[in-house]
PDB file of N, CA and C in Angstrom:
ATOM      1  N   MET A   1      28.735  76.975 -47.618  1.00  0.00           N
ATOM      2  CA  MET A   1      29.024  75.900 -48.162  1.00  0.00           C
ATOM      3  C   MET A   1      30.045  74.810 -47.294  1.00  0.00           C
ATOM      4  N   MET A   2      29.459  73.760 -47.503  1.00  0.00           N
ATOM      5  CA  MET A   2      30.283  73.021 -46.530  1.00  0.00           C
ATOM      6  C   MET A   2      31.174  71.876 -46.974  1.00  0.00           C
ATOM      7  N   MET A   3      32.222  71.667 -47.104  1.00  0.00           N
ATOM      8  CA  MET A   3      32.883  71.121 -47.286  1.00  0.00           C
ATOM      9  C   MET A   3      32.824  69.465 -47.517  1.00  0.00           C
ATOM     10  N   GLN A   4      33.456  68.534 -48.510  1.00  0.00           N
ATOM     11  CA  GLN A   4      33.174  66.906 -48.397  1.00  0.00           C
ATOM     12  C   GLN A   4      34.239  67.016 -47.326  1.00  0.00           C
ATOM     13  N   PRO A   5      33.958  65.629 -46.625  1.00  0.00           N
ATOM     14  CA  PRO A   5      35.135  64.982 -45.902  1.00  0.00           C
ATOM     15  C   PRO A   5      36.510  64.683 -46.206  1.00  0.00           C
ATOM     16  N   SER A   6      35.674  64.395 -47.453  1.00  0.00           N
ATOM     17  CA  SER A   6      37.371  63.538 -48.370  1.00  0.00           C
ATOM     18  C   SER A   6      38.188  65.051 -48.569  1.00  0.00           C
ATOM     19  N   THR A   7      37.626  66.188 -48.970  1.00  0.00           N
ATOM     20  CA  THR A   7      38.235  67.031 -49.000  1.00  0.00           C
ATOM     21  C   THR A   7      39.245  67.657 -47.794  1.00  0.00           C
ATOM     22  N   LEU A   8      38.333  67.546 -46.680  1.00  0.00           N
ATOM     23  CA  LEU A   8      39.298  68.000 -45.594  1.00  0.00           C
ATOM     24  C   LEU A   8      40.501  67.190 -44.825  1.00  0.00           C
ATOM     25  N   TYR A   9      39.839  65.669 -45.080  1.00  0.00           N
ATOM     26  CA  TYR A   9      40.771  64.709 -44.878  1.00  0.00           C
ATOM     27  C   TYR A   9      42.231  64.968 -46.010  1.00  0.00           C
ATOM     28  N   SER A  10      42.277  65.374 -47.047  1.00  0.00           N
ATOM     29  CA  SER A  10      43.278  65.704 -47.983  1.00  0.00           C
ATOM     30  C   SER A  10      44.019  66.664 -47.662  1.00  0.00           C
ATOM     31  N   ASN A  11      43.230  67.982 -47.154  1.00  0.00           N
ATOM     32  CA  ASN A  11      44.110  69.493 -46.779  1.00  0.00           C
ATOM     33  C   ASN A  11      44.584  68.588 -45.135  1.00  0.00           C
ATOM     34  N   ARG A  12      43.937  68.132 -44.161  1.00  0.00           N
ATOM     35  CA  ARG A  12      44.717  68.153 -43.108  1.00  0.00           C
ATOM     36  C   ARG A  12      45.509  66.889 -43.260  1.00  0.00           C
ATOM     37  N   SER A  13      45.949  66.173 -44.344  1.00  0.00           N
ATOM     38  CA  SER A  13      47.032  65.196 -44.469  1.00  0.00           C
ATOM     39  C   SER A  13      48.137  66.187 -44.939  1.00  0.00           C
ATOM     40  N   VAL A  14      47.609  67.410 -45.988  1.00  0.00           N
ATOM     41  CA  VAL A  14      49.356  68.256 -46.210  1.00  0.00           C
ATOM     42  C   VAL A  14      49.674  69.010 -44.670  1.00  0.00           C
ATOM     43  N   CYS A  15      48.651  69.174 -44.246  1.00  0.00           N
ATOM     44  CA  CYS A  15      49.329  70.157 -42.579  1.00  0.00           C
ATOM     45  C   CYS A  15      50.531  69.091 -41.857  1.00  0.00           C
ATOM     46  N   PHE A  16      49.466  68.060 -41.973  1.00  0.00           N
ATOM     47  CA  PHE A  16      50.793  66.951 -41.294  1.00  0.00           C
ATOM     48  C   PHE A  16      51.931  66.581 -41.751  1.00  0.00           C
ATOM     49  N   LEU A  17      51.693  66.637 -43.272  1.00  0.00           N
ATOM     50  CA  LEU A  17      53.308  66.606 -43.701  1.00  0.00           C
ATOM     51  C   LEU A  17      53.722  67.639 -43.709  1.00  0.00           C
ATOM     52  N   GLN A  18      53.453  69.018 -43.565  1.00  0.00           N
ATOM     53  CA  GLN A  18      54.184  70.122 -43.462  1.00  0.00           C
ATOM     54  C   GLN A  18      54.745  69.861 -41.696  1.00  0.00           C
ATOM     55  N   ILE A  19      54.189  69.470 -40.961  1.00  0.00           N
ATOM     56  CA  ILE A  19      54.678  69.775 -39.854  1.00  0.00           C
ATOM     57  C   ILE A  19      55.728  68.297 -39.555  1.00  0.00           C
ATOM     58  N   GLY A  20      55.636  67.293 -40.415  1.00  0.00           N
ATOM     59  CA  GLY A  20      56.608  66.288 -40.263  1.00  0.00           C
ATOM     60  C   GLY A  20      55.794  64.577 -39.666  1.00  0.00           C
ATOM     61  N   ASP A  21      54.753  64.780 -39.191  1.00  0.00           N
ATOM     62  CA  ASP A  21      53.983  63.801 -39.310  1.00  0.00           C
ATOM     63  C   ASP A  21      53.544  62.656 -40.214  1.00  0.00           C
ATOM     64  N   GLY A  22      54.328  61.759 -40.616  1.00  0.00           N
ATOM     65  CA  GLY A  22      54.156  61.460 -41.796  1.00  0.00           C
ATOM     66  C   GLY A  22      52.893  60.432 -41.462  1.00  0.00           C
ATOM     67  N   ASP A  23      52.909  59.582 -40.533  1.00  0.00           N
ATOM     68  CA  ASP A  23      51.449  58.779 -39.832  1.00  0.00           C
ATOM     69  C   ASP A  23      50.422  59.151 -39.925  1.00  0.00           C
ATOM     70  N   LYS A  24      50.245  60.507 -39.397  1.00  0.00           N
ATOM     71  CA  LYS A  24      49.111  61.241 -39.708  1.00  0.00           C
ATOM     72  C   LYS A  24      48.183  61.559 -40.879  1.00  0.00           C
ATOM     73  N   ALA A  25      49.758  62.164 -41.714  1.00  0.00           N
ATOM     74  CA  ALA A  25      49.396  62.105 -43.268  1.00  0.00           C
ATOM     75  C   ALA A  25      48.691  61.548 -43.803  1.00  0.00           C
ATOM     76  N   PHE A  26      49.635  59.915 -43.313  1.00  0.00           N
ATOM     77  CA  PHE A  26      49.169  58.643 -44.270  1.00  0.00           C
ATOM     78  C   PHE A  26      47.624  58.210 -44.082  1.00  0.00           C
ATOM     79  N   ALA A  27      47.226  58.515 -42.497  1.00  0.00           N
ATOM     80  CA  ALA A  27      45.812  57.914 -42.069  1.00  0.00           C
ATOM     81  C   ALA A  27      44.887  58.997 -42.447  1.00  0.00           C
ATOM     82  N   ASP A  28      44.827  60.004 -42.885  1.00  0.00           N
ATOM     83  CA  ASP A  28      44.233  60.992 -43.464  1.00  0.00           C
ATOM     84  C   ASP A  28      44.371  61.292 -45.177  1.00  0.00           C
ATOM     85  N   ALA A  29      44.965  60.341 -45.405  1.00  0.00           N
ATOM     86  CA  ALA A  29      45.063  60.528 -47.336  1.00  0.00           C
ATOM     87  C   ALA A  29      44.327  59.269 -47.191  1.00  0.00           C
ATOM     88  N   TYR A  30      44.828  57.962 -46.471  1.00  0.00           N
ATOM     89  CA  TYR A  30      44.248  56.826 -46.642  1.00  0.00           C
ATOM     90  C   TYR A  30      42.498  57.218 -46.673  1.00  0.00           C
ATOM     91  N   THR A  31      42.087  57.634 -45.792  1.00  0.00           N
ATOM     92  CA  THR A  31      40.574  57.914 -45.313  1.00  0.00           C
ATOM     93  C   THR A  31      40.117  58.678 -46.701  1.00  0.00           C
ATOM     94  N   CYS A  32      40.890  59.575 -46.454  1.00  0.00           N
ATOM     95  CA  CYS A  32      40.587  60.451 -48.315  1.00  0.00           C
ATOM     96  C   CYS A  32      40.364  59.478 -49.350  1.00  0.00           C
ATOM     97  N   ARG A  33      40.982  58.975 -49.289  1.00  0.00           N
ATOM     98  CA  ARG A  33      41.036  57.988 -50.327  1.00  0.00           C
ATOM     99  C   ARG A  33      40.163  56.720 -50.760  1.00  0.00           C
ATOM    100  N   MET A  34      39.736  56.297 -49.353  1.00  0.00           N
ATOM    101  CA  MET A  34      38.630  55.284 -49.207  1.00  0.00           C
ATOM    102  C   MET A  34      37.299  56.281 -49.597  1.00  0.00           C
ATOM    103  N   ASN A  35      37.184  57.284 -49.032  1.00  0.00           N
ATOM    104  CA  ASN A  35      35.847  58.037 -49.570  1.00  0.00           C
ATOM    105  C   ASN A  35      35.712  58.642 -51.131  1.00  0.00           C
ATOM    106  N   ARG A  36      36.906  59.252 -51.522  1.00  0.00           N
ATOM    107  CA  ARG A  36      37.038  59.132 -52.815  1.00  0.00           C
ATOM    108  C   ARG A  36      37.792  58.543 -53.943  1.00  0.00           C
ATOM    109  N   PRO A  37      37.578  56.982 -54.192  1.00  0.00           N
ATOM    110  CA  PRO A  37      38.548  56.413 -54.794  1.00  0.00           C
ATOM    111  C   PRO A  37      38.960  56.851 -56.172  1.00  0.00           C
ATOM    112  N   ASP A  38      37.918  57.638 -56.785  1.00  0.00           N
ATOM    113  CA  ASP A  38      38.336  58.268 -58.174  1.00  0.00           C
ATOM    114  C   ASP A  38      38.490  59.517 -58.163  1.00  0.00           C
ATOM    115  N   TRP A  39      39.073  60.275 -57.251  1.00  0.00           N
ATOM    116  CA  TRP A  39      39.571  61.602 -57.106  1.00  0.00           C
ATOM    117  C   TRP A  39      41.045  61.738 -57.310  1.00  0.00           C
ATOM    118  N   PRO A  40      41.751  61.981 -58.404  1.00  0.00           N
ATOM    119  CA  PRO A  40      43.008  61.815 -58.200  1.00  0.00           C
ATOM    120  C   PRO A  40      44.066  62.795 -57.027  1.00  0.00           C
ATOM    121  N   LYS A  41      43.209  63.726 -56.436  1.00  0.00           N
ATOM    122  CA  LYS A  41      44.234  64.337 -55.818  1.00  0.00           C
ATOM    123  C   LYS A  41      43.942  63.184 -54.277  1.00  0.00           C
ATOM    124  N   ALA A  42      43.316  62.467 -53.904  1.00  0.00           N
ATOM    125  CA  ALA A  42      43.630  61.651 -52.840  1.00  0.00           C
ATOM    126  C   ALA A  42      44.216  60.673 -53.640  1.00  0.00           C
ATOM    127  N   TRP A  43      44.542  60.478 -54.211  1.00  0.00           N
ATOM    128  CA  TRP A  43      45.714  59.217 -54.926  1.00  0.00           C
ATOM    129  C   TRP A  43      47.227  59.787 -54.728  1.00  0.00           C
ATOM    130  N   TYR A  44      47.172  61.394 -54.795  1.00  0.00           N
ATOM    131  CA  TYR A  44      48.073  61.839 -54.928  1.00  0.00           C
ATOM    132  C   TYR A  44      48.679  62.177 -53.492  1.00  0.00           C
ATOM    133  N   ARG A  45      48.016  62.651 -52.483  1.00  0.00           N
ATOM    134  CA  ARG A  45      48.093  62.982 -50.900  1.00  0.00           C
ATOM    135  C   ARG A  45      48.644  61.285 -50.572  1.00  0.00           C
ATOM    136  N   LEU A  46      48.251  60.301 -51.049  1.00  0.00           N
ATOM    137  CA  LEU A  46      48.376  59.162 -49.936  1.00  0.00           C
ATOM    138  C   LEU A  46      49.981  58.436 -50.511  1.00  0.00           C
ATOM    139  N   GLY A  47      50.210  59.091 -52.100  1.00  0.00           N
ATOM    140  CA  GLY A  47      51.616  59.105 -52.737  1.00  0.00           C
ATOM    141  C   GLY A  47      52.698  59.893 -51.928  1.00  0.00           C
ATOM    142  N   ALA A  48      51.811  60.801 -51.938  1.00  0.00           N
ATOM    143  CA  ALA A  48      53.221  62.115 -50.486  1.00  0.00           C
ATOM    144  C   ALA A  48      53.167  61.307 -49.142  1.00  0.00           C
ATOM    145  N   ALA A  49      52.143  60.717 -48.809  1.00  0.00           N
ATOM    146  CA  ALA A  49      52.163  60.368 -47.682  1.00  0.00           C
ATOM    147  C   ALA A  49      53.255  59.540 -47.355  1.00  0.00           C
ATOM    148  N   LEU A  50      52.983  58.522 -48.186  1.00  0.00           N
ATOM    149  CA  LEU A  50      54.082  57.240 -48.278  1.00  0.00           C
ATOM    150  C   LEU A  50      55.252  57.975 -49.221  1.00  0.00           C
ATOM    151  N   MET A  51      55.239  58.720 -49.687  1.00  0.00           N
ATOM    152  CA  MET A  51      57.280  59.094 -49.871  1.00  0.00           C
ATOM    153  C   MET A  51      57.479  59.169 -49.069  1.00  0.00           C
ATOM    154  N   PHE A  52      56.894  60.393 -47.664  1.00  0.00           N
ATOM    155  CA  PHE A  52      57.483  60.891 -46.770  1.00  0.00           C
ATOM    156  C   PHE A  52      58.055  59.800 -46.104  1.00  0.00           C
ATOM    157  N   LEU A  53      57.072  58.629 -46.054  1.00  0.00           N
ATOM    158  CA  LEU A  53      57.169  57.761 -45.146  1.00  0.00           C
ATOM    159  C   LEU A  53      58.693  56.739 -45.831  1.00  0.00           C
ATOM    160  N   LYS A  54      58.768  56.369 -46.855  1.00  0.00           N
ATOM    161  CA  LYS A  54      59.494  56.209 -47.877  1.00  0.00           C
ATOM    162  C   LYS A  54      59.261  54.677 -47.933  1.00  0.00           C
ATOM    163  N   VAL A  55      57.758  54.501 -48.263  1.00  0.00           N
ATOM    164  CA  VAL A  55      56.756  53.023 -48.578  1.00  0.00           C
ATOM    165  C   VAL A  55      57.350  52.746 -50.029  1.00  0.00           C
ATOM    166  N   ARG A  56      58.744  52.019 -50.400  1.00  0.00           N
ATOM    167  CA  ARG A  56      59.159  52.323 -51.846  1.00  0.00           C
ATOM    168  C   ARG A  56      58.046  51.585 -52.983  1.00  0.00           C
ATOM    169  N   SER A  57      57.507  50.382 -52.552  1.00  0.00           N
ATOM    170  CA  SER A  57      56.442  49.897 -53.401  1.00  0.00           C
ATOM    171  C   SER A  57      55.452  50.235 -53.154  1.00  0.00           C
ATOM    172  N   ALA A  58      54.696  51.083 -52.322  1.00  0.00           N
ATOM    173  CA  ALA A  58      53.211  51.742 -52.550  1.00  0.00           C
ATOM    174  C   ALA A  58      53.352  52.791 -53.555  1.00  0.00           C
ATOM    175  N   ILE A  59      54.461  53.588 -53.406  1.00  0.00           N
ATOM    176  CA  ILE A  59      54.523  55.227 -54.077  1.00  0.00           C
ATOM    177  C   ILE A  59      54.147  55.162 -55.328  1.00  0.00           C
ATOM    178  N   LEU A  60      54.523  54.184 -56.157  1.00  0.00           N
ATOM    179  CA  LEU A  60      54.345  54.350 -57.305  1.00  0.00           C
ATOM    180  C   LEU A  60      53.234  53.452 -58.255  1.00  0.00           C
ATOM    181  N   VAL A  61      52.423  52.935 -56.763  1.00  0.00           N
ATOM    182  CA  VAL A  61      51.138  52.427 -57.478  1.00  0.00           C
ATOM    183  C   VAL A  61      50.340  53.752 -56.964  1.00  0.00           C
ATOM    184  N   SER A  62      50.511  54.362 -56.129  1.00  0.00           N
ATOM    185  CA  SER A  62      49.799  55.328 -56.038  1.00  0.00           C
ATOM    186  C   SER A  62      49.707  56.690 -56.768  1.00  0.00           C
ATOM    187  N   PHE A  63      50.799  56.794 -57.269  1.00  0.00           N
ATOM    188  CA  PHE A  63      50.647  58.008 -57.947  1.00  0.00           C
ATOM    189  C   PHE A  63      50.509  57.287 -59.206  1.00  0.00           C
ATOM    190  N   SER A  64      50.481  56.219 -60.111  1.00  0.00           N
ATOM    191  CA  SER A  64      49.983  55.715 -61.238  1.00  0.00           C
ATOM    192  C   SER A  64      48.505  55.532 -61.117  1.00  0.00           C
ATOM    193  N   PHE A  65      47.726  55.284 -60.127  1.00  0.00           N
ATOM    194  CA  PHE A  65      46.914  55.529 -59.963  1.00  0.00           C
ATOM    195  C   PHE A  65      46.299  56.998 -60.275  1.00  0.00           C
ATOM    196  N   SER A  66      46.653  58.095 -59.990  1.00  0.00           N
ATOM    197  CA  SER A  66      45.983  59.544 -59.924  1.00  0.00           C
ATOM    198  C   SER A  66      46.053  59.490 -61.374  1.00  0.00           C
ATOM    199  N   SER A  67      44.844  59.939 -61.974  1.00  0.00           N
ATOM    200  CA  SER A  67      44.989  60.044 -63.342  1.00  0.00           C
ATOM    201  C   SER A  67      45.558  61.208 -63.885  1.00  0.00           C
ATOM    202  N   THR A  68      46.384  62.539 -63.498  1.00  0.00           N
ATOM    203  CA  THR A  68      47.091  63.265 -63.712  1.00  0.00           C
ATOM    204  C   THR A  68      48.356  62.865 -63.854  1.00  0.00           C
ATOM    205  N   PRO A  69      48.806  63.312 -65.533  1.00  0.00           N
ATOM    206  CA  PRO A  69      50.135  62.820 -66.087  1.00  0.00           C
ATOM    207  C   PRO A  69      51.232  63.191 -65.322  1.00  0.00           C
ATOM    208  N   HIS A  70      51.601  64.554 -65.136  1.00  0.00           N
ATOM    209  CA  HIS A  70      52.301  65.279 -64.215  1.00  0.00           C
ATOM    210  C   HIS A  70      53.230  64.603 -62.940  1.00  0.00           C
ATOM    211  N   LEU A  71      51.832  63.838 -62.251  1.00  0.00           N
ATOM    212  CA  LEU A  71      51.804  63.234 -61.042  1.00  0.00           C
ATOM    213  C   LEU A  71      52.753  61.683 -61.218  1.00  0.00           C
ATOM    214  N   CYS A  72      52.327  61.235 -62.176  1.00  0.00           N
ATOM    215  CA  CYS A  72      53.159  59.987 -62.578  1.00  0.00           C
ATOM    216  C   CYS A  72      54.600  60.353 -62.990  1.00  0.00           C
ATOM    217  N   MET A  73      55.032  61.370 -63.702  1.00  0.00           N
ATOM    218  CA  MET A  73      56.232  61.827 -63.559  1.00  0.00           C
ATOM    219  C   MET A  73      56.972  62.010 -62.744  1.00  0.00           C
ATOM    220  N   PHE A  74      56.342  62.347 -61.589  1.00  0.00           N
ATOM    221  CA  PHE A  74      56.817  62.832 -60.349  1.00  0.00           C
ATOM    222  C   PHE A  74      57.800  61.620 -59.912  1.00  0.00           C
ATOM    223  N   CYS A  75      57.362  60.589 -60.415  1.00  0.00           N
ATOM    224  CA  CYS A  75      57.751  58.862 -59.336  1.00  0.00           C
ATOM    225  C   CYS A  75      59.022  58.950 -60.137  1.00  0.00           C
ATOM    226  N   PHE A  76      59.385  59.246 -61.424  1.00  0.00           N
ATOM    227  CA  PHE A  76      60.603  59.038 -61.819  1.00  0.00           C
ATOM    228  C   PHE A  76      61.570  60.643 -61.904  1.00  0.00           C
ATOM    229  N   VAL A  77      61.094  61.537 -61.141  1.00  0.00           N
ATOM    230  CA  VAL A  77      62.252  62.577 -60.969  1.00  0.00           C
ATOM    231  C   VAL A  77      63.179  61.946 -60.013  1.00  0.00           C
ATOM    232  N   PHE A  78      62.048  61.210 -58.647  1.00  0.00           N
ATOM    233  CA  PHE A  78      63.068  60.251 -57.397  1.00  0.00           C
ATOM    234  C   PHE A  78      63.235  59.098 -58.259  1.00  0.00           C
ATOM    235  N   PRO A  79      63.875  58.440 -58.768  1.00  0.00           N
ATOM    236  CA  PRO A  79      63.948  56.948 -58.241  1.00  0.00           C
ATOM    237  C   PRO A  79      64.572  56.246 -57.407  1.00  0.00           C
ATOM    238  N   GLY A  80      65.283  57.321 -56.661  1.00  0.00           N
ATOM    239  CA  GLY A  80      65.948  56.414 -55.567  1.00  0.00           C
ATOM    240  C   GLY A  80      65.078  55.964 -54.254  1.00  0.00           C
ATOM    241  N   LEU A  81      64.187  56.468 -54.544  1.00  0.00           N
ATOM    242  CA  LEU A  81      62.809  56.373 -53.683  1.00  0.00           C
ATOM    243  C   LEU A  81      63.137  54.935 -52.890  1.00  0.00           C
TER     244      LEU A  81
END
């Protein structure tokens, strides 16, 4: 079974975050979101990368577009970002 490219970009984005490469994590998360804009995990990955890069204005937008309620609450856990 072949994985969809968006799944691969999503997983690789997490790997880049774990090794501390926020720029590459953002690039993969952005590509993932462009491929599947209706997928909540794509928006979550983008928000995680933006949080790592400390891009404050875009974090809330990314997490609010993710349709999973607990992800939106995540924004309020870290209000100082």
